[in-house]
């Protein structure tokens, strides 16, 4: 699995960042939206994805 940093835009609240682990970026987006919807108690259609970035975890 890979790590992804997802930047989301939430009306009224502003920007939010989620770091999630997933197999691909589409799954990472779904996870980040789900976490944000639960955290802010807002509908999912109100959340916009601004940036999806795969985090390179090389040491």
PDB file of N, CA and C in Angstrom:
ATOM      1  N   UNK A   1       0.836  -1.182   0.000  1.00  0.00           N
ATOM      2  CA  UNK A   1       0.000   0.000   0.000  1.00  0.00           C
ATOM      3  C   UNK A   1       0.880   1.243   0.000  1.00  0.00           C
ATOM      4  N   UNK A   2       0.323   2.310  -0.481  1.00  0.00           N
ATOM      5  CA  UNK A   2       1.028   3.582  -0.574  1.00  0.00           C
ATOM      6  C   UNK A   2       0.367   4.601   0.341  1.00  0.00           C
ATOM      7  N   UNK A   3       1.112   5.641   0.676  1.00  0.00           N
ATOM      8  CA  UNK A   3       0.580   6.748   1.461  1.00  0.00           C
ATOM      9  C   UNK A   3       0.268   7.920   0.533  1.00  0.00           C
ATOM     10  N   UNK A   4      -0.870   8.576   0.798  1.00  0.00           N
ATOM     11  CA  UNK A   4      -1.290   9.721  -0.004  1.00  0.00           C
ATOM     12  C   UNK A   4      -1.650  10.884   0.903  1.00  0.00           C
ATOM     13  N   UNK A   5      -1.293  12.080   0.448  1.00  0.00           N
ATOM     14  CA  UNK A   5      -1.724  13.304   1.112  1.00  0.00           C
ATOM     15  C   UNK A   5      -2.836  13.904   0.250  1.00  0.00           C
ATOM     16  N   UNK A   6      -3.995  14.091   0.852  1.00  0.00           N
ATOM     17  CA  UNK A   6      -5.156  14.622   0.144  1.00  0.00           C
ATOM     18  C   UNK A   6      -5.484  15.993   0.721  1.00  0.00           C
ATOM     19  N   UNK A   7      -5.566  16.991  -0.145  1.00  0.00           N
ATOM     20  CA  UNK A   7      -5.978  18.332   0.269  1.00  0.00           C
ATOM     21  C   UNK A   7      -7.428  18.528  -0.169  1.00  0.00           C
ATOM     22  N   UNK A   8      -8.279  18.868   0.797  1.00  0.00           N
ATOM     23  CA  UNK A   8      -9.707  19.029   0.533  1.00  0.00           C
ATOM     24  C   UNK A   8     -10.141  20.454   0.837  1.00  0.00           C
ATOM     25  N   UNK A   9     -11.123  20.935   0.109  1.00  0.00           N
ATOM     26  CA  UNK A   9     -11.726  22.248   0.349  1.00  0.00           C
ATOM     27  C   UNK A   9     -13.130  22.013   0.890  1.00  0.00           C
ATOM     28  N   UNK A  10     -13.396  22.600   2.058  1.00  0.00           N
ATOM     29  CA  UNK A  10     -14.688  22.400   2.719  1.00  0.00           C
ATOM     30  C   UNK A  10     -15.356  23.766   2.872  1.00  0.00           C
ATOM     31  N   UNK A  11     -16.581  23.926   2.338  1.00  0.00           N
ATOM     32  CA  UNK A  11     -17.271  25.207   2.493  1.00  0.00           C
ATOM     33  C   UNK A  11     -17.399  25.579   3.975  1.00  0.00           C
ATOM     34  N   UNK A  12     -17.224  26.826   4.284  1.00  0.00           N
ATOM     35  CA  UNK A  12     -17.295  27.413   5.618  1.00  0.00           C
ATOM     36  C   UNK A  12     -16.042  27.099   6.451  1.00  0.00           C
ATOM     37  N   UNK A  13     -15.537  25.875   6.409  1.00  0.00           N
ATOM     38  CA  UNK A  13     -14.397  25.477   7.223  1.00  0.00           C
ATOM     39  C   UNK A  13     -13.056  25.776   6.562  1.00  0.00           C
ATOM     40  N   UNK A  14     -12.994  25.806   5.266  1.00  0.00           N
ATOM     41  CA  UNK A  14     -11.740  26.054   4.569  1.00  0.00           C
ATOM     42  C   UNK A  14     -11.058  24.775   4.121  1.00  0.00           C
ATOM     43  N   UNK A  15      -9.724  24.777   4.156  1.00  0.00           N
ATOM     44  CA  UNK A  15      -8.968  23.625   3.680  1.00  0.00           C
ATOM     45  C   UNK A  15      -8.718  22.628   4.802  1.00  0.00           C
ATOM     46  N   UNK A  16      -8.603  21.378   4.399  1.00  0.00           N
ATOM     47  CA  UNK A  16      -8.293  20.289   5.314  1.00  0.00           C
ATOM     48  C   UNK A  16      -7.314  19.359   4.614  1.00  0.00           C
ATOM     49  N   UNK A  17      -6.468  18.719   5.379  1.00  0.00           N
ATOM     50  CA  UNK A  17      -5.506  17.765   4.836  1.00  0.00           C
ATOM     51  C   UNK A  17      -5.719  16.421   5.505  1.00  0.00           C
ATOM     52  N   UNK A  18      -5.695  15.368   4.737  1.00  0.00           N
ATOM     53  CA  UNK A  18      -5.783  14.001   5.255  1.00  0.00           C
ATOM     54  C   UNK A  18      -4.631  13.207   4.681  1.00  0.00           C
ATOM     55  N   UNK A  19      -4.006  12.408   5.506  1.00  0.00           N
ATOM     56  CA  UNK A  19      -2.972  11.483   5.051  1.00  0.00           C
ATOM     57  C   UNK A  19      -3.539  10.085   5.244  1.00  0.00           C
ATOM     58  N   UNK A  20      -3.659   9.357   4.136  1.00  0.00           N
ATOM     59  CA  UNK A  20      -4.283   8.035   4.175  1.00  0.00           C
ATOM     60  C   UNK A  20      -3.412   7.012   3.453  1.00  0.00           C
ATOM     61  N   UNK A  21      -3.630   5.765   3.807  1.00  0.00           N
ATOM     62  CA  UNK A  21      -2.926   4.663   3.166  1.00  0.00           C
ATOM     63  C   UNK A  21      -3.920   3.907   2.300  1.00  0.00           C
ATOM     64  N   UNK A  22      -3.565   3.702   1.025  1.00  0.00           N
ATOM     65  CA  UNK A  22      -4.464   3.021   0.096  1.00  0.00           C
ATOM     66  C   UNK A  22      -3.645   2.422  -1.046  1.00  0.00           C
ATOM     67  N   UNK A  23      -4.307   1.583  -1.836  1.00  0.00           N
ATOM     68  CA  UNK A  23      -3.638   0.953  -2.980  1.00  0.00           C
ATOM     69  C   UNK A  23      -3.486   1.905  -4.154  1.00  0.00           C
ATOM     70  N   UNK A  24      -4.462   2.828  -4.335  1.00  0.00           N
ATOM     71  CA  UNK A  24      -4.397   3.780  -5.442  1.00  0.00           C
ATOM     72  C   UNK A  24      -5.004   5.111  -5.022  1.00  0.00           C
ATOM     73  N   UNK A  25      -4.875   6.112  -5.888  1.00  0.00           N
ATOM     74  CA  UNK A  25      -5.336   7.459  -5.536  1.00  0.00           C
ATOM     75  C   UNK A  25      -6.853   7.562  -5.436  1.00  0.00           C
ATOM     76  N   UNK A  26      -7.582   6.820  -6.249  1.00  0.00           N
ATOM     77  CA  UNK A  26      -9.050   6.862  -6.184  1.00  0.00           C
ATOM     78  C   UNK A  26      -9.560   6.369  -4.831  1.00  0.00           C
ATOM     79  N   UNK A  27      -8.979   5.289  -4.354  1.00  0.00           N
ATOM     80  CA  UNK A  27      -9.356   4.761  -3.049  1.00  0.00           C
ATOM     81  C   UNK A  27      -8.955   5.740  -1.952  1.00  0.00           C
ATOM     82  N   UNK A  28      -7.800   6.349  -2.089  1.00  0.00           N
ATOM     83  CA  UNK A  28      -7.338   7.333  -1.105  1.00  0.00           C
ATOM     84  C   UNK A  28      -8.293   8.524  -1.030  1.00  0.00           C
ATOM     85  N   UNK A  29      -8.782   8.967  -2.170  1.00  0.00           N
ATOM     86  CA  UNK A  29      -9.745  10.071  -2.203  1.00  0.00           C
ATOM     87  C   UNK A  29     -11.025   9.684  -1.478  1.00  0.00           C
ATOM     88  N   UNK A  30     -11.534   8.496  -1.749  1.00  0.00           N
ATOM     89  CA  UNK A  30     -12.759   8.033  -1.090  1.00  0.00           C
ATOM     90  C   UNK A  30     -12.583   7.963   0.422  1.00  0.00           C
ATOM     91  N   UNK A  31     -11.441   7.462   0.874  1.00  0.00           N
ATOM     92  CA  UNK A  31     -11.170   7.370   2.307  1.00  0.00           C
ATOM     93  C   UNK A  31     -11.106   8.762   2.931  1.00  0.00           C
ATOM     94  N   UNK A  32     -10.404   9.683   2.268  1.00  0.00           N
ATOM     95  CA  UNK A  32     -10.266  11.043   2.790  1.00  0.00           C
ATOM     96  C   UNK A  32     -11.613  11.758   2.867  1.00  0.00           C
ATOM     97  N   UNK A  33     -12.442  11.584   1.849  1.00  0.00           N
ATOM     98  CA  UNK A  33     -13.779  12.202   1.868  1.00  0.00           C
ATOM     99  C   UNK A  33     -14.608  11.624   3.003  1.00  0.00           C
ATOM    100  N   UNK A  34     -14.572  10.324   3.173  1.00  0.00           N
ATOM    101  CA  UNK A  34     -15.333   9.670   4.242  1.00  0.00           C
ATOM    102  C   UNK A  34     -14.893  10.182   5.614  1.00  0.00           C
ATOM    103  N   UNK A  35     -13.585  10.287   5.832  1.00  0.00           N
ATOM    104  CA  UNK A  35     -13.068  10.786   7.103  1.00  0.00           C
ATOM    105  C   UNK A  35     -13.498  12.233   7.346  1.00  0.00           C
ATOM    106  N   UNK A  36     -13.446  13.062   6.300  1.00  0.00           N
ATOM    107  CA  UNK A  36     -13.809  14.470   6.419  1.00  0.00           C
ATOM    108  C   UNK A  36     -15.296  14.642   6.680  1.00  0.00           C
ATOM    109  N   UNK A  37     -16.121  13.874   5.982  1.00  0.00           N
ATOM    110  CA  UNK A  37     -17.572  13.931   6.176  1.00  0.00           C
ATOM    111  C   UNK A  37     -17.922  13.562   7.618  1.00  0.00           C
ATOM    112  N   UNK A  38     -17.284  12.530   8.142  1.00  0.00           N
ATOM    113  CA  UNK A  38     -17.542  12.121   9.523  1.00  0.00           C
ATOM    114  C   UNK A  38     -17.038  13.143  10.532  1.00  0.00           C
ATOM    115  N   UNK A  39     -15.887  13.737  10.254  1.00  0.00           N
ATOM    116  CA  UNK A  39     -15.292  14.690  11.184  1.00  0.00           C
ATOM    117  C   UNK A  39     -16.092  15.991  11.275  1.00  0.00           C
ATOM    118  N   UNK A  40     -16.529  16.521  10.135  1.00  0.00           N
ATOM    119  CA  UNK A  40     -17.205  17.817  10.100  1.00  0.00           C
ATOM    120  C   UNK A  40     -18.731  17.702  10.026  1.00  0.00           C
ATOM    121  N   UNK A  41     -19.243  16.481   9.898  1.00  0.00           N
ATOM    122  CA  UNK A  41     -20.691  16.253   9.816  1.00  0.00           C
ATOM    123  C   UNK A  41     -21.319  17.073   8.682  1.00  0.00           C
ATOM    124  N   UNK A  42     -20.777  16.906   7.487  1.00  0.00           N
ATOM    125  CA  UNK A  42     -21.255  17.615   6.305  1.00  0.00           C
ATOM    126  C   UNK A  42     -21.558  16.606   5.204  1.00  0.00           C
ATOM    127  N   UNK A  43     -22.352  16.981   4.194  1.00  0.00           N
ATOM    128  CA  UNK A  43     -22.605  16.057   3.081  1.00  0.00           C
ATOM    129  C   UNK A  43     -21.369  15.925   2.193  1.00  0.00           C
ATOM    130  N   UNK A  44     -21.196  14.767   1.602  1.00  0.00           N
ATOM    131  CA  UNK A  44     -20.004  14.505   0.789  1.00  0.00           C
ATOM    132  C   UNK A  44     -19.943  15.363  -0.473  1.00  0.00           C
ATOM    133  N   UNK A  45     -21.098  15.783  -1.003  1.00  0.00           N
ATOM    134  CA  UNK A  45     -21.070  16.599  -2.218  1.00  0.00           C
ATOM    135  C   UNK A  45     -20.540  18.011  -1.951  1.00  0.00           C
ATOM    136  N   UNK A  46     -20.387  18.388  -0.686  1.00  0.00           N
ATOM    137  CA  UNK A  46     -19.858  19.700  -0.350  1.00  0.00           C
ATOM    138  C   UNK A  46     -18.344  19.734  -0.256  1.00  0.00           C
ATOM    139  N   UNK A  47     -17.693  18.595  -0.417  1.00  0.00           N
ATOM    140  CA  UNK A  47     -16.242  18.503  -0.281  1.00  0.00           C
ATOM    141  C   UNK A  47     -15.601  18.470  -1.666  1.00  0.00           C
ATOM    142  N   UNK A  48     -14.609  19.329  -1.877  1.00  0.00           N
ATOM    143  CA  UNK A  48     -13.887  19.354  -3.150  1.00  0.00           C
ATOM    144  C   UNK A  48     -12.446  18.895  -2.925  1.00  0.00           C
ATOM    145  N   UNK A  49     -11.946  18.089  -3.847  1.00  0.00           N
ATOM    146  CA  UNK A  49     -10.567  17.631  -3.791  1.00  0.00           C
ATOM    147  C   UNK A  49      -9.702  18.654  -4.521  1.00  0.00           C
ATOM    148  N   UNK A  50      -8.698  19.178  -3.834  1.00  0.00           N
ATOM    149  CA  UNK A  50      -7.817  20.173  -4.425  1.00  0.00           C
ATOM    150  C   UNK A  50      -6.542  19.521  -4.949  1.00  0.00           C
ATOM    151  N   UNK A  51      -5.969  18.591  -4.167  1.00  0.00           N
ATOM    152  CA  UNK A  51      -4.689  18.017  -4.530  1.00  0.00           C
ATOM    153  C   UNK A  51      -4.592  16.599  -3.989  1.00  0.00           C
ATOM    154  N   UNK A  52      -4.048  15.705  -4.797  1.00  0.00           N
ATOM    155  CA  UNK A  52      -3.731  14.340  -4.364  1.00  0.00           C
ATOM    156  C   UNK A  52      -2.252  14.129  -4.647  1.00  0.00           C
ATOM    157  N   UNK A  53      -1.515  13.809  -3.603  1.00  0.00           N
ATOM    158  CA  UNK A  53      -0.070  13.662  -3.747  1.00  0.00           C
ATOM    159  C   UNK A  53       0.368  12.356  -3.081  1.00  0.00           C
ATOM    160  N   UNK A  54       1.069  11.525  -3.849  1.00  0.00           N
ATOM    161  CA  UNK A  54       1.607  10.302  -3.269  1.00  0.00           C
ATOM    162  C   UNK A  54       2.856  10.657  -2.465  1.00  0.00           C
ATOM    163  N   UNK A  55       2.888  10.193  -1.231  1.00  0.00           N
ATOM    164  CA  UNK A  55       4.027  10.477  -0.363  1.00  0.00           C
ATOM    165  C   UNK A  55       5.062   9.400  -0.578  1.00  0.00           C
ATOM    166  N   UNK A  56       6.246   9.822  -0.907  1.00  0.00           N
ATOM    167  CA  UNK A  56       7.343   8.899  -1.141  1.00  0.00           C
ATOM    168  C   UNK A  56       8.008   8.610   0.199  1.00  0.00           C
ATOM    169  N   UNK A  57       7.941   7.379   0.629  1.00  0.00           N
ATOM    170  CA  UNK A  57       8.451   7.046   1.959  1.00  0.00           C
ATOM    171  C   UNK A  57       9.827   6.382   1.898  1.00  0.00           C
ATOM    172  N   UNK A  58      10.728   6.982   1.166  1.00  0.00           N
ATOM    173  CA  UNK A  58      12.098   6.480   1.111  1.00  0.00           C
ATOM    174  C   UNK A  58      12.875   7.036   2.300  1.00  0.00           C
ATOM    175  N   UNK A  59      13.766   6.223   2.810  1.00  0.00           N
ATOM    176  CA  UNK A  59      14.566   6.655   3.975  1.00  0.00           C
ATOM    177  C   UNK A  59      15.916   7.139   3.493  1.00  0.00           C
TER     178      UNK A  59
END
